[in-house]
Amino acid sequence: MPIFITQSLVAGILASFACGLGALPLAIKAFDLRKHTGLAYSAAGGLMFAASVYNLILPGLTLSSSHIELADAIPVVLGILLGALFLSQVDKYFSPERFERGNWKRWGNKAQILIFIAMAVHSIPEGVAVGVGYASSAVYENQLGNYIALAIALHNIPEGLAVAIPMRAAGASIWKCFWAAFFTSLPQPIAAVPAAYVSWLFQPLMPILMGFAAGAMVFLVILELIPEALHNSTPIKVAWAFSIGFCAMILVQVLL
């Protein structure tokens, strides 16, 4: 097996563990989210919305060049709409009747399951980026793969927090939050390996993949997180919690 394939796989697994680490700050007793469920959902929504814009949409628009043209925007916009369509169909699948009849409840409520799906989808283009980066490193003898893997692993920490916040607010244990965040990022090593093998195929698909992931996450925030937050808190508190979560994610991304 070529060394860059092994590097892609290992880097993807480590990035998944980094995502799980995002849940650990919630073990601090001061973060008793069960008393503030609405604020927890809206803060998670702000974190996810910022991640969609900062980590997916903007990089997707500038993959080809720093000067954005219409041709650069179309694949990203198409991806956003497809991601929104995908999550709307997933939401349609989880009808109240099917949710009641099946065993889905043991995995959490509907919002938590949709968060898991959206964040797992979000991990796919990140895994592709890792694989393509290591393939490029093997050809051009540079450190691009290591740089991309490190950046994604660091970015995964606040994203893991976004996954864990609603679960913790619903009473889930820290370890359950950790493993849920870890598994949402598991598509990264799975996607990294084939992307490294055929990087020439995956690289042109990155803008639409990033748009798809962003569209799913934005749709989730509007469809589930904000209505859930408004059900449990006042609009002004929800707006503030969302804004704080949004700004916190941007600041963390810049610092990392």
C-alpha atoms as a PDB file:
ATOM      1  CA  MET A   1       0.000   0.000   0.000  1.00  0.00           C
ATOM      2  CA  PRO A   2       1.443   3.432  -0.931  1.00  0.00           C
ATOM      3  CA  ILE A   3       2.542   5.487   2.070  1.00  0.00           C
ATOM      4  CA  PHE A   4       0.227   8.405   1.205  1.00  0.00           C
ATOM      5  CA  ILE A   5      -2.798   6.085   1.499  1.00  0.00           C
ATOM      6  CA  THR A   6      -1.762   5.074   5.016  1.00  0.00           C
ATOM      7  CA  GLN A   7      -1.122   8.706   5.903  1.00  0.00           C
ATOM      8  CA  SER A   8      -4.592   9.681   4.654  1.00  0.00           C
ATOM      9  CA  LEU A   9      -6.254   6.964   6.721  1.00  0.00           C
ATOM     10  CA  VAL A  10      -4.348   7.743   9.926  1.00  0.00           C
ATOM     11  CA  ALA A  11      -4.894  11.491   9.546  1.00  0.00           C
ATOM     12  CA  GLY A  12      -8.634  10.938   9.023  1.00  0.00           C
ATOM     13  CA  ILE A  13      -8.928   8.783  12.159  1.00  0.00           C
ATOM     14  CA  LEU A  14      -7.021  11.314  14.255  1.00  0.00           C
ATOM     15  CA  ALA A  15      -9.290  14.068  12.936  1.00  0.00           C
ATOM     16  CA  SER A  16     -12.282  12.008  14.070  1.00  0.00           C
ATOM     17  CA  PHE A  17     -10.878  11.800  17.592  1.00  0.00           C
ATOM     18  CA  ALA A  18     -10.301  15.564  17.516  1.00  0.00           C
ATOM     19  CA  CYS A  19     -13.997  15.994  16.762  1.00  0.00           C
ATOM     20  CA  GLY A  20     -14.833  13.880  19.800  1.00  0.00           C
ATOM     21  CA  LEU A  21     -12.641  16.101  21.970  1.00  0.00           C
ATOM     22  CA  GLY A  22     -15.040  18.960  21.301  1.00  0.00           C
ATOM     23  CA  ALA A  23     -17.518  17.335  23.681  1.00  0.00           C
ATOM     24  CA  LEU A  24     -15.160  17.270  26.669  1.00  0.00           C
ATOM     25  CA  PRO A  25     -15.569  20.922  27.802  1.00  0.00           C
ATOM     26  CA  LEU A  26     -19.225  20.107  28.502  1.00  0.00           C
ATOM     27  CA  ALA A  27     -18.047  17.853  31.358  1.00  0.00           C
ATOM     28  CA  ILE A  28     -17.356  21.029  33.357  1.00  0.00           C
ATOM     29  CA  LYS A  29     -20.178  21.422  35.870  1.00  0.00           C
ATOM     30  CA  ALA A  30     -20.644  25.080  34.993  1.00  0.00           C
ATOM     31  CA  PHE A  31     -21.996  23.986  31.580  1.00  0.00           C
ATOM     32  CA  ASP A  32     -25.348  22.677  32.813  1.00  0.00           C
ATOM     33  CA  LEU A  33     -27.139  22.895  29.474  1.00  0.00           C
ATOM     34  CA  ARG A  34     -30.224  21.010  30.648  1.00  0.00           C
ATOM     35  CA  LYS A  35     -31.422  24.211  32.332  1.00  0.00           C
ATOM     36  CA  HIS A  36     -30.979  26.186  29.111  1.00  0.00           C
ATOM     37  CA  THR A  37     -32.088  23.877  26.299  1.00  0.00           C
ATOM     38  CA  GLY A  38     -33.235  26.678  24.012  1.00  0.00           C
ATOM     39  CA  LEU A  39     -29.964  28.561  24.354  1.00  0.00           C
ATOM     40  CA  ALA A  40     -28.017  25.347  23.753  1.00  0.00           C
ATOM     41  CA  TYR A  41     -29.823  24.633  20.480  1.00  0.00           C
ATOM     42  CA  SER A  42     -29.461  28.200  19.232  1.00  0.00           C
ATOM     43  CA  ALA A  43     -25.743  28.332  20.149  1.00  0.00           C
ATOM     44  CA  ALA A  44     -25.214  25.030  18.325  1.00  0.00           C
ATOM     45  CA  GLY A  45     -27.056  26.531  15.359  1.00  0.00           C
ATOM     46  CA  GLY A  46     -24.706  29.518  15.354  1.00  0.00           C
ATOM     47  CA  LEU A  47     -21.654  27.235  15.490  1.00  0.00           C
ATOM     48  CA  MET A  48     -22.928  25.117  12.592  1.00  0.00           C
ATOM     49  CA  PHE A  49     -23.956  28.105  10.490  1.00  0.00           C
ATOM     50  CA  ALA A  50     -20.539  29.696  10.892  1.00  0.00           C
ATOM     51  CA  ALA A  51     -18.830  26.384  10.064  1.00  0.00           C
ATOM     52  CA  SER A  52     -20.941  26.157   6.896  1.00  0.00           C
ATOM     53  CA  VAL A  53     -19.937  29.620   5.735  1.00  0.00           C
ATOM     54  CA  TYR A  54     -16.331  29.751   6.925  1.00  0.00           C
ATOM     55  CA  ASN A  55     -15.220  26.132   6.394  1.00  0.00           C
ATOM     56  CA  LEU A  56     -17.269  25.130   3.365  1.00  0.00           C
ATOM     57  CA  ILE A  57     -18.879  27.885   1.286  1.00  0.00           C
ATOM     58  CA  LEU A  58     -16.031  30.417   1.243  1.00  0.00           C
ATOM     59  CA  PRO A  59     -13.281  27.820   0.608  1.00  0.00           C
ATOM     60  CA  GLY A  60     -15.482  26.234  -2.065  1.00  0.00           C
ATOM     61  CA  LEU A  61     -15.812  29.577  -3.853  1.00  0.00           C
ATOM     62  CA  THR A  62     -12.071  30.246  -3.800  1.00  0.00           C
ATOM     63  CA  LEU A  63     -10.733  26.793  -4.698  1.00  0.00           C
ATOM     64  CA  SER A  64     -10.058  27.783  -8.301  1.00  0.00           C
ATOM     65  CA  SER A  65      -8.745  31.304  -7.677  1.00  0.00           C
ATOM     66  CA  SER A  66      -8.923  34.134  -5.171  1.00  0.00           C
ATOM     67  CA  HIS A  67     -10.978  36.165  -7.680  1.00  0.00           C
ATOM     68  CA  ILE A  68     -14.484  34.698  -7.550  1.00  0.00           C
ATOM     69  CA  GLU A  69     -16.400  34.536 -10.820  1.00  0.00           C
ATOM     70  CA  LEU A  70     -19.849  33.199 -11.703  1.00  0.00           C
ATOM     71  CA  ALA A  71     -18.364  29.922 -12.934  1.00  0.00           C
ATOM     72  CA  ASP A  72     -16.796  29.402  -9.491  1.00  0.00           C
ATOM     73  CA  ALA A  73     -20.061  30.084  -7.681  1.00  0.00           C
ATOM     74  CA  ILE A  74     -22.391  27.837  -9.713  1.00  0.00           C
ATOM     75  CA  PRO A  75     -21.036  24.449  -8.447  1.00  0.00           C
ATOM     76  CA  VAL A  76     -21.136  25.673  -4.841  1.00  0.00           C
ATOM     77  CA  VAL A  77     -24.672  27.063  -5.171  1.00  0.00           C
ATOM     78  CA  LEU A  78     -25.813  23.862  -6.888  1.00  0.00           C
ATOM     79  CA  GLY A  79     -24.245  21.864  -4.075  1.00  0.00           C
ATOM     80  CA  ILE A  80     -26.022  23.993  -1.442  1.00  0.00           C
ATOM     81  CA  LEU A  81     -29.413  23.387  -3.079  1.00  0.00           C
ATOM     82  CA  LEU A  82     -28.723  19.652  -3.404  1.00  0.00           C
ATOM     83  CA  GLY A  83     -27.656  19.491   0.245  1.00  0.00           C
ATOM     84  CA  ALA A  84     -30.851  21.263   1.299  1.00  0.00           C
ATOM     85  CA  LEU A  85     -32.901  18.880  -0.852  1.00  0.00           C
ATOM     86  CA  PHE A  86     -31.106  15.896   0.669  1.00  0.00           C
ATOM     87  CA  LEU A  87     -31.826  16.960   4.248  1.00  0.00           C
ATOM     88  CA  SER A  88     -35.421  17.843   3.434  1.00  0.00           C
ATOM     89  CA  GLN A  89     -35.903  14.297   2.120  1.00  0.00           C
ATOM     90  CA  VAL A  90     -34.258  12.843   5.219  1.00  0.00           C
ATOM     91  CA  ASP A  91     -36.600  14.958   7.355  1.00  0.00           C
ATOM     92  CA  LYS A  92     -39.545  13.728   5.289  1.00  0.00           C
ATOM     93  CA  TYR A  93     -38.421  10.135   5.833  1.00  0.00           C
ATOM     94  CA  PHE A  94     -38.477  10.628   9.601  1.00  0.00           C
ATOM     95  CA  SER A  95     -42.224  11.153   9.750  1.00  0.00           C
ATOM     96  CA  PRO A  96     -43.780  11.050  13.241  1.00  0.00           C
ATOM     97  CA  GLU A  97     -45.306   7.653  12.447  1.00  0.00           C
ATOM     98  CA  ARG A  98     -42.031   6.097  11.236  1.00  0.00           C
ATOM     99  CA  PHE A  99     -40.128   7.640  14.130  1.00  0.00           C
ATOM    100  CA  GLU A 100     -42.584   6.168  16.623  1.00  0.00           C
ATOM    101  CA  ARG A 101     -42.681   2.701  15.020  1.00  0.00           C
ATOM    102  CA  GLY A 102     -38.954   2.263  14.502  1.00  0.00           C
ATOM    103  CA  ASN A 103     -36.061   2.011  16.916  1.00  0.00           C
ATOM    104  CA  TRP A 104     -34.849   5.508  16.150  1.00  0.00           C
ATOM    105  CA  LYS A 105     -35.732   6.875  19.581  1.00  0.00           C
ATOM    106  CA  ARG A 106     -32.877   5.027  21.234  1.00  0.00           C
ATOM    107  CA  TRP A 107     -30.469   7.160  19.179  1.00  0.00           C
ATOM    108  CA  GLY A 108     -32.023  10.433  20.353  1.00  0.00           C
ATOM    109  CA  ASN A 109     -34.771  12.753  19.206  1.00  0.00           C
ATOM    110  CA  LYS A 110     -35.337  13.756  15.594  1.00  0.00           C
ATOM    111  CA  ALA A 111     -33.232  16.921  15.805  1.00  0.00           C
ATOM    112  CA  GLN A 112     -30.251  15.024  17.220  1.00  0.00           C
ATOM    113  CA  ILE A 113     -30.438  12.388  14.471  1.00  0.00           C
ATOM    114  CA  LEU A 114     -30.591  15.073  11.781  1.00  0.00           C
ATOM    115  CA  ILE A 115     -27.608  16.832  13.373  1.00  0.00           C
ATOM    116  CA  PHE A 116     -25.665  13.579  13.248  1.00  0.00           C
ATOM    117  CA  ILE A 117     -26.519  13.053   9.565  1.00  0.00           C
ATOM    118  CA  ALA A 118     -25.737  16.643   8.558  1.00  0.00           C
ATOM    119  CA  MET A 119     -22.410  16.688  10.384  1.00  0.00           C
ATOM    120  CA  ALA A 120     -21.454  13.290   8.945  1.00  0.00           C
ATOM    121  CA  VAL A 121     -22.164  14.641   5.447  1.00  0.00           C
ATOM    122  CA  HIS A 122     -20.071  17.687   6.327  1.00  0.00           C
ATOM    123  CA  SER A 123     -17.121  15.383   7.102  1.00  0.00           C
ATOM    124  CA  ILE A 124     -17.021  13.855   3.598  1.00  0.00           C
ATOM    125  CA  PRO A 125     -15.469  16.818   1.724  1.00  0.00           C
ATOM    126  CA  GLU A 126     -13.015  17.277   4.589  1.00  0.00           C
ATOM    127  CA  GLY A 127     -11.908  13.659   4.177  1.00  0.00           C
ATOM    128  CA  VAL A 128     -11.623  14.166   0.426  1.00  0.00           C
ATOM    129  CA  ALA A 129      -9.442  17.229   1.041  1.00  0.00           C
ATOM    130  CA  VAL A 130      -7.127  15.172   3.269  1.00  0.00           C
ATOM    131  CA  GLY A 131      -6.810  12.407   0.668  1.00  0.00           C
ATOM    132  CA  VAL A 132      -6.194  14.820  -2.198  1.00  0.00           C
ATOM    133  CA  GLY A 133      -3.663  16.697  -0.058  1.00  0.00           C
ATOM    134  CA  TYR A 134      -1.607  13.582   0.692  1.00  0.00           C
ATOM    135  CA  ALA A 135      -1.761  12.476  -2.947  1.00  0.00           C
ATOM    136  CA  SER A 136      -0.407  15.899  -3.915  1.00  0.00           C
ATOM    137  CA  SER A 137       2.333  15.582  -1.289  1.00  0.00           C
ATOM    138  CA  ALA A 138       3.434  12.270  -2.810  1.00  0.00           C
ATOM    139  CA  VAL A 139       3.656  13.751  -6.306  1.00  0.00           C
ATOM    140  CA  TYR A 140       5.165  17.154  -5.536  1.00  0.00           C
ATOM    141  CA  GLU A 141       7.089  16.190  -2.366  1.00  0.00           C
ATOM    142  CA  ASN A 142       5.527  18.905  -0.238  1.00  0.00           C
ATOM    143  CA  GLN A 143       3.774  18.990   3.155  1.00  0.00           C
ATOM    144  CA  LEU A 144       0.318  19.902   1.851  1.00  0.00           C
ATOM    145  CA  GLY A 145      -1.313  16.738   3.223  1.00  0.00           C
ATOM    146  CA  ASN A 146       0.025  17.351   6.735  1.00  0.00           C
ATOM    147  CA  TYR A 147      -1.090  20.984   6.690  1.00  0.00           C
ATOM    148  CA  ILE A 148      -4.616  20.120   5.552  1.00  0.00           C
ATOM    149  CA  ALA A 149      -4.924  17.249   8.045  1.00  0.00           C
ATOM    150  CA  LEU A 150      -3.771  19.427  10.962  1.00  0.00           C
ATOM    151  CA  ALA A 151      -6.085  22.288   9.993  1.00  0.00           C
ATOM    152  CA  ILE A 152      -9.102  19.984   9.705  1.00  0.00           C
ATOM    153  CA  ALA A 153      -8.310  18.217  12.992  1.00  0.00           C
ATOM    154  CA  LEU A 154      -8.174  21.563  14.808  1.00  0.00           C
ATOM    155  CA  HIS A 155     -11.355  22.763  13.127  1.00  0.00           C
ATOM    156  CA  ASN A 156     -13.077  19.542  14.141  1.00  0.00           C
ATOM    157  CA  ILE A 157     -12.857  20.386  17.845  1.00  0.00           C
ATOM    158  CA  PRO A 158     -15.456  23.214  17.831  1.00  0.00           C
ATOM    159  CA  GLU A 159     -17.527  21.240  15.320  1.00  0.00           C
ATOM    160  CA  GLY A 160     -17.613  18.344  17.791  1.00  0.00           C
ATOM    161  CA  LEU A 161     -18.833  20.829  20.385  1.00  0.00           C
ATOM    162  CA  ALA A 162     -21.697  21.797  18.069  1.00  0.00           C
ATOM    163  CA  VAL A 163     -22.721  18.128  17.832  1.00  0.00           C
ATOM    164  CA  ALA A 164     -22.463  17.583  21.587  1.00  0.00           C
ATOM    165  CA  ILE A 165     -24.322  20.663  22.839  1.00  0.00           C
ATOM    166  CA  PRO A 166     -27.886  19.554  21.919  1.00  0.00           C
ATOM    167  CA  MET A 167     -27.187  16.009  23.142  1.00  0.00           C
ATOM    168  CA  ARG A 168     -25.844  17.247  26.470  1.00  0.00           C
ATOM    169  CA  ALA A 169     -28.819  19.590  26.817  1.00  0.00           C
ATOM    170  CA  ALA A 170     -31.081  16.533  26.425  1.00  0.00           C
ATOM    171  CA  GLY A 171     -29.247  14.741  29.249  1.00  0.00           C
ATOM    172  CA  ALA A 172     -26.768  12.541  27.333  1.00  0.00           C
ATOM    173  CA  SER A 173     -23.575  11.525  29.102  1.00  0.00           C
ATOM    174  CA  ILE A 174     -20.237  13.068  28.159  1.00  0.00           C
ATOM    175  CA  TRP A 175     -19.016   9.763  26.722  1.00  0.00           C
ATOM    176  CA  LYS A 176     -22.112   9.424  24.558  1.00  0.00           C
ATOM    177  CA  CYS A 177     -21.521  12.987  23.317  1.00  0.00           C
ATOM    178  CA  PHE A 178     -17.850  12.161  22.660  1.00  0.00           C
ATOM    179  CA  TRP A 179     -18.607   9.061  20.600  1.00  0.00           C
ATOM    180  CA  ALA A 180     -21.422  10.775  18.708  1.00  0.00           C
ATOM    181  CA  ALA A 181     -19.046  13.578  17.711  1.00  0.00           C
ATOM    182  CA  PHE A 182     -16.371  11.009  16.836  1.00  0.00           C
ATOM    183  CA  PHE A 183     -18.712   9.025  14.584  1.00  0.00           C
ATOM    184  CA  THR A 184     -19.967  12.143  12.774  1.00  0.00           C
ATOM    185  CA  SER A 185     -16.352  12.656  11.696  1.00  0.00           C
ATOM    186  CA  LEU A 186     -15.697   9.021  10.786  1.00  0.00           C
ATOM    187  CA  PRO A 187     -16.553   9.633   7.095  1.00  0.00           C
ATOM    188  CA  GLN A 188     -13.278  11.577   6.927  1.00  0.00           C
ATOM    189  CA  PRO A 189     -10.918   8.554   6.912  1.00  0.00           C
ATOM    190  CA  ILE A 190     -13.445   6.607   4.829  1.00  0.00           C
ATOM    191  CA  ALA A 191     -13.508   9.340   2.167  1.00  0.00           C
ATOM    192  CA  ALA A 192      -9.790  10.133   2.420  1.00  0.00           C
ATOM    193  CA  VAL A 193      -8.590   6.759   1.132  1.00  0.00           C
ATOM    194  CA  PRO A 194     -10.416   6.662  -2.244  1.00  0.00           C
ATOM    195  CA  ALA A 195      -9.756  10.388  -2.691  1.00  0.00           C
ATOM    196  CA  ALA A 196      -6.030   9.748  -2.276  1.00  0.00           C
ATOM    197  CA  TYR A 197      -6.148   6.892  -4.802  1.00  0.00           C
ATOM    198  CA  VAL A 198      -7.939   8.919  -7.483  1.00  0.00           C
ATOM    199  CA  SER A 199      -7.291  12.514  -6.503  1.00  0.00           C
ATOM    200  CA  TRP A 200      -7.634  13.604 -10.154  1.00  0.00           C
ATOM    201  CA  LEU A 201     -11.306  12.566  -9.979  1.00  0.00           C
ATOM    202  CA  PHE A 202     -12.189  14.018  -6.588  1.00  0.00           C
ATOM    203  CA  GLN A 203     -10.442  17.384  -6.831  1.00  0.00           C
ATOM    204  CA  PRO A 204     -12.873  18.892  -9.399  1.00  0.00           C
ATOM    205  CA  LEU A 205     -15.803  17.684  -7.287  1.00  0.00           C
ATOM    206  CA  MET A 206     -14.708  19.575  -4.160  1.00  0.00           C
ATOM    207  CA  PRO A 207     -16.767  22.779  -4.761  1.00  0.00           C
ATOM    208  CA  ILE A 208     -20.046  20.896  -5.177  1.00  0.00           C
ATOM    209  CA  LEU A 209     -19.236  18.557  -2.247  1.00  0.00           C
ATOM    210  CA  MET A 210     -18.496  21.515   0.018  1.00  0.00           C
ATOM    211  CA  GLY A 211     -21.666  23.264  -1.094  1.00  0.00           C
ATOM    212  CA  PHE A 212     -23.676  20.077  -0.506  1.00  0.00           C
ATOM    213  CA  ALA A 213     -22.414  19.757   3.058  1.00  0.00           C
ATOM    214  CA  ALA A 214     -23.037  23.446   3.753  1.00  0.00           C
ATOM    215  CA  GLY A 215     -26.552  23.272   2.310  1.00  0.00           C
ATOM    216  CA  ALA A 216     -27.444  20.320   4.526  1.00  0.00           C
ATOM    217  CA  MET A 217     -26.151  22.084   7.646  1.00  0.00           C
ATOM    218  CA  VAL A 218     -27.811  25.433   6.923  1.00  0.00           C
ATOM    219  CA  PHE A 219     -31.103  23.696   6.159  1.00  0.00           C
ATOM    220  CA  LEU A 220     -30.817  21.781   9.436  1.00  0.00           C
ATOM    221  CA  VAL A 221     -30.239  24.954  11.448  1.00  0.00           C
ATOM    222  CA  ILE A 222     -33.330  26.629   9.987  1.00  0.00           C
ATOM    223  CA  LEU A 223     -35.528  23.529   9.969  1.00  0.00           C
ATOM    224  CA  GLU A 224     -34.816  22.052  13.405  1.00  0.00           C
ATOM    225  CA  LEU A 225     -32.433  23.951  15.659  1.00  0.00           C
ATOM    226  CA  ILE A 226     -33.948  27.427  15.591  1.00  0.00           C
ATOM    227  CA  PRO A 227     -37.583  26.223  15.948  1.00  0.00           C
ATOM    228  CA  GLU A 228     -36.500  23.927  18.815  1.00  0.00           C
ATOM    229  CA  ALA A 229     -34.673  26.819  20.460  1.00  0.00           C
ATOM    230  CA  LEU A 230     -37.685  29.140  20.103  1.00  0.00           C
ATOM    231  CA  HIS A 231     -39.886  26.456  21.659  1.00  0.00           C
ATOM    232  CA  ASN A 232     -37.770  26.536  24.817  1.00  0.00           C
ATOM    233  CA  SER A 233     -36.605  30.149  25.059  1.00  0.00           C
ATOM    234  CA  THR A 234     -37.510  33.695  24.086  1.00  0.00           C
ATOM    235  CA  PRO A 235     -36.660  35.034  20.597  1.00  0.00           C
ATOM    236  CA  ILE A 236     -34.250  37.657  21.958  1.00  0.00           C
ATOM    237  CA  LYS A 237     -32.281  35.052  23.939  1.00  0.00           C
ATOM    238  CA  VAL A 238     -32.228  32.711  20.949  1.00  0.00           C
ATOM    239  CA  ALA A 239     -30.935  35.496  18.697  1.00  0.00           C
ATOM    240  CA  TRP A 240     -28.176  36.365  21.170  1.00  0.00           C
ATOM    241  CA  ALA A 241     -27.140  32.737  21.700  1.00  0.00           C
ATOM    242  CA  PHE A 242     -27.048  32.138  17.931  1.00  0.00           C
ATOM    243  CA  SER A 243     -24.970  35.282  17.378  1.00  0.00           C
ATOM    244  CA  ILE A 244     -22.542  34.354  20.153  1.00  0.00           C
ATOM    245  CA  GLY A 245     -22.184  30.813  18.787  1.00  0.00           C
ATOM    246  CA  PHE A 246     -21.618  32.176  15.275  1.00  0.00           C
ATOM    247  CA  CYS A 247     -18.950  34.646  16.440  1.00  0.00           C
ATOM    248  CA  ALA A 248     -17.283  32.063  18.678  1.00  0.00           C
ATOM    249  CA  MET A 249     -16.842  29.655  15.778  1.00  0.00           C
ATOM    250  CA  ILE A 250     -15.318  32.378  13.582  1.00  0.00           C
ATOM    251  CA  LEU A 251     -12.896  33.453  16.326  1.00  0.00           C
ATOM    252  CA  VAL A 252     -11.868  29.858  17.025  1.00  0.00           C
ATOM    253  CA  GLN A 253     -11.317  29.166  13.327  1.00  0.00           C
ATOM    254  CA  VAL A 254      -9.169  32.280  12.970  1.00  0.00           C
ATOM    255  CA  LEU A 255      -7.129  31.430  16.079  1.00  0.00           C
ATOM    256  CA  LEU A 256      -6.614  27.860  14.921  1.00  0.00           C
END
